[in-house]
C-alpha cells in the first residue's frame, strides 16, 4: 500500500521534496507540513517500512539513534524546553517519527497535553522562505551530529 510517507520519500530521492532538511543514514529529515510548534520535524525511513518493528538489527538501531540525535539538534536550534517524540502510523501505515519541540511559552491549556490537541487546520503551513533559516541551522547541526556512512 502506497502512503503519503512513500510519496514523500520518493520525492526526497528525486530531489523534489522542498521540506527535506537533510539525508541521514536511516532516511530523510523533513520539516513538518504545519508549524504550530516552530521546528516540528519528522524522520522518514528509506526504504519505507510498515512499522518500527519491521526494522531489524542495525537498521532499527540507526533509525532510533538518529531520531534522538534529530531531537538533540531541534532542541539546540529552537531552544525549546523539551522534545516530544511520537511514532504512530495509524493514519499513514508506514514508519515515520514526529519530533515536536515543546515550549514554555505554549498556552497553559495546551502545554501539558499531546500536540494532537492543537488545531492543525489553523496552524501556519510550511513556508519555504520563512522556514529556510531554521532548516539551514538544523542542517548545520545535523551535519555535526550525524555523519553519513559512506561505506553503504
Protein backbone atom coordinates (compact mmCIF):
# COMPACT_ATOMS: atom_id res chain seq x y z
CA UNK A 1 0.00 0.00 0.00
CA UNK A 2 1.43 3.34 -1.07
CA UNK A 3 1.15 6.03 1.60
CA UNK A 4 1.97 9.71 1.87
CA UNK A 5 5.24 8.61 3.53
CA UNK A 6 6.14 6.56 0.43
CA UNK A 7 5.38 9.57 -1.78
CA UNK A 8 7.46 11.94 0.34
CA UNK A 9 10.44 9.56 0.37
CA UNK A 10 10.21 9.14 -3.42
CA UNK A 11 10.13 12.94 -3.79
CA UNK A 12 13.15 13.24 -1.49
CA UNK A 13 15.11 10.69 -3.54
CA UNK A 14 14.28 12.63 -6.71
CA UNK A 15 15.23 15.97 -5.14
CA UNK A 16 11.62 17.18 -5.43
CA UNK A 17 10.63 17.47 -1.77
CA UNK A 18 11.06 21.09 -0.63
CA UNK A 19 10.66 20.04 3.01
CA UNK A 20 13.86 17.96 3.05
CA UNK A 21 16.40 19.26 5.50
CA UNK A 22 18.97 16.51 5.11
CA UNK A 23 19.57 12.89 4.14
CA UNK A 24 20.69 10.77 7.10
CA UNK A 25 21.79 7.15 7.21
CA UNK A 26 18.32 5.85 8.12
CA UNK A 27 16.30 8.08 5.82
CA UNK A 28 15.28 11.72 5.50
CA UNK A 29 14.82 14.57 7.94
CA UNK A 30 11.96 16.83 6.84
CA UNK A 31 10.22 19.83 8.31
CA UNK A 32 6.56 19.34 9.17
CA UNK A 33 3.80 20.41 6.79
CA UNK A 34 2.46 22.65 9.54
CA UNK A 35 4.43 24.64 12.07
CA UNK A 36 2.10 25.14 15.01
CA UNK A 37 5.20 24.37 17.08
CA UNK A 38 8.15 26.07 15.37
CA UNK A 39 10.70 23.45 14.45
CA UNK A 40 8.37 20.45 14.15
CA UNK A 41 10.20 17.83 12.08
CA UNK A 42 9.90 14.21 11.04
CA UNK A 43 12.29 11.36 10.34
CA UNK A 44 11.19 9.28 7.36
CA UNK A 45 12.90 5.92 6.82
CA UNK A 46 14.42 4.98 3.49
CA UNK A 47 13.45 2.40 2.47
CA UNK A 48 9.95 2.81 3.86
CA UNK A 49 8.75 0.01 6.12
CA UNK A 50 5.34 -0.54 7.73
CA UNK A 51 6.45 -0.05 11.34
CA UNK A 52 9.40 0.23 13.70
CA UNK A 53 9.03 -3.46 14.41
CA UNK A 54 9.76 -4.21 10.76
CA UNK A 55 13.27 -2.79 11.11
CA UNK A 56 15.86 -5.26 12.33
CA UNK A 57 19.24 -5.06 13.99
CA UNK A 58 21.46 -2.26 12.75
CA UNK A 59 18.68 -0.55 10.76
CA UNK A 60 16.50 -0.28 13.87
CA UNK A 61 19.39 0.97 15.99
CA UNK A 62 20.37 3.54 13.38
CA UNK A 63 16.80 4.86 13.00
CA UNK A 64 16.31 5.25 16.75
CA UNK A 65 19.77 6.74 17.33
CA UNK A 66 19.27 9.26 14.55
CA UNK A 67 15.78 10.08 15.85
CA UNK A 68 17.25 11.05 19.23
CA UNK A 69 20.08 13.00 17.58
CA UNK A 70 17.49 14.84 15.50
CA UNK A 71 15.72 15.70 18.76
CA UNK A 72 19.02 16.95 20.21
CA UNK A 73 19.53 19.16 17.16
CA UNK A 74 15.97 20.54 17.21
CA UNK A 75 16.31 21.25 20.93
CA UNK A 76 19.54 23.17 20.40
CA UNK A 77 18.33 25.16 17.40
CA UNK A 78 14.88 26.05 18.78
CA UNK A 79 15.92 26.45 22.42
CA UNK A 80 12.70 24.61 23.31
CA UNK A 81 12.04 23.35 26.83
CA UNK A 82 11.89 19.70 25.76
CA UNK A 83 11.28 17.40 22.80
CA UNK A 84 8.32 15.05 22.41
CA UNK A 85 8.75 12.05 20.12
CA UNK A 86 5.86 10.14 18.55
CA UNK A 87 5.72 7.12 16.28
CA UNK A 88 2.12 6.31 15.45
CA UNK A 89 1.32 5.01 11.96
CA UNK A 90 -2.43 4.70 12.43
CA UNK A 91 -3.41 7.20 9.72
CA UNK A 92 -0.38 6.64 7.49
CA UNK A 93 0.57 2.96 7.98
CA UNK A 94 4.26 3.47 7.26
CA UNK A 95 7.03 4.20 9.73
CA UNK A 96 7.63 7.89 10.37
CA UNK A 97 8.65 9.61 13.57
CA UNK A 98 7.46 13.02 14.73
CA UNK A 99 9.80 15.34 16.63
CA UNK A 100 7.90 18.09 18.44
CA UNK A 101 9.71 20.90 20.26
CA UNK A 102 7.69 21.98 23.30
CA UNK A 103 7.94 25.50 24.63
CA UNK A 104 7.43 27.17 27.97
CA UNK A 105 5.51 29.85 26.08
CA UNK A 106 2.74 27.47 24.97
CA UNK A 107 -0.68 28.24 26.40
CA UNK A 108 -1.43 26.66 29.75
CA UNK A 109 -4.32 24.82 28.10
CA UNK A 110 -2.02 23.10 25.57
CA UNK A 111 1.47 22.83 27.06
CA UNK A 112 0.63 19.80 29.21
CA UNK A 113 -1.34 17.97 26.51
CA UNK A 114 -0.31 15.95 23.47
CA UNK A 115 0.20 18.02 20.32
CA UNK A 116 -2.87 16.45 18.76
CA UNK A 117 -4.96 18.91 20.82
CA UNK A 118 -3.67 21.79 18.67
CA UNK A 119 -5.86 22.94 15.78
CA UNK A 120 -3.74 21.62 12.94
CA UNK A 121 -6.04 23.16 10.30
CA UNK A 122 -5.43 26.65 11.71
CA UNK A 123 -1.66 26.17 12.05
CA UNK A 124 0.84 28.02 9.85
CA UNK A 125 1.72 25.90 6.82
CA UNK A 126 5.31 25.22 5.80
CA UNK A 127 6.69 28.31 4.07
CA UNK A 128 9.97 27.85 2.27
CA UNK A 129 11.09 31.46 2.69
CA UNK A 130 10.06 31.80 6.37
CA UNK A 131 11.37 28.35 7.35
CA UNK A 132 14.64 28.42 5.37
CA UNK A 133 16.77 29.91 8.18
CA UNK A 134 15.59 27.25 10.65
CA UNK A 135 16.16 24.49 8.10
CA UNK A 136 19.71 25.74 7.41
CA UNK A 137 20.58 25.92 11.12
CA UNK A 138 19.15 22.45 11.73
CA UNK A 139 21.04 21.02 8.74
CA UNK A 140 24.29 22.51 10.06
CA UNK A 141 23.68 20.93 13.47
CA UNK A 142 22.81 17.57 11.90
CA UNK A 143 25.98 17.74 9.79
CA UNK A 144 27.91 17.70 13.07
CA UNK A 145 25.80 15.11 14.89
CA UNK A 146 25.09 12.58 12.12
CA UNK A 147 27.94 11.83 9.75
CA UNK A 148 26.88 9.94 6.62
CA UNK A 149 28.19 6.38 6.47
CA UNK A 150 29.87 6.33 3.05
CA UNK A 151 30.53 2.59 3.21
CA UNK A 152 26.91 1.88 2.25
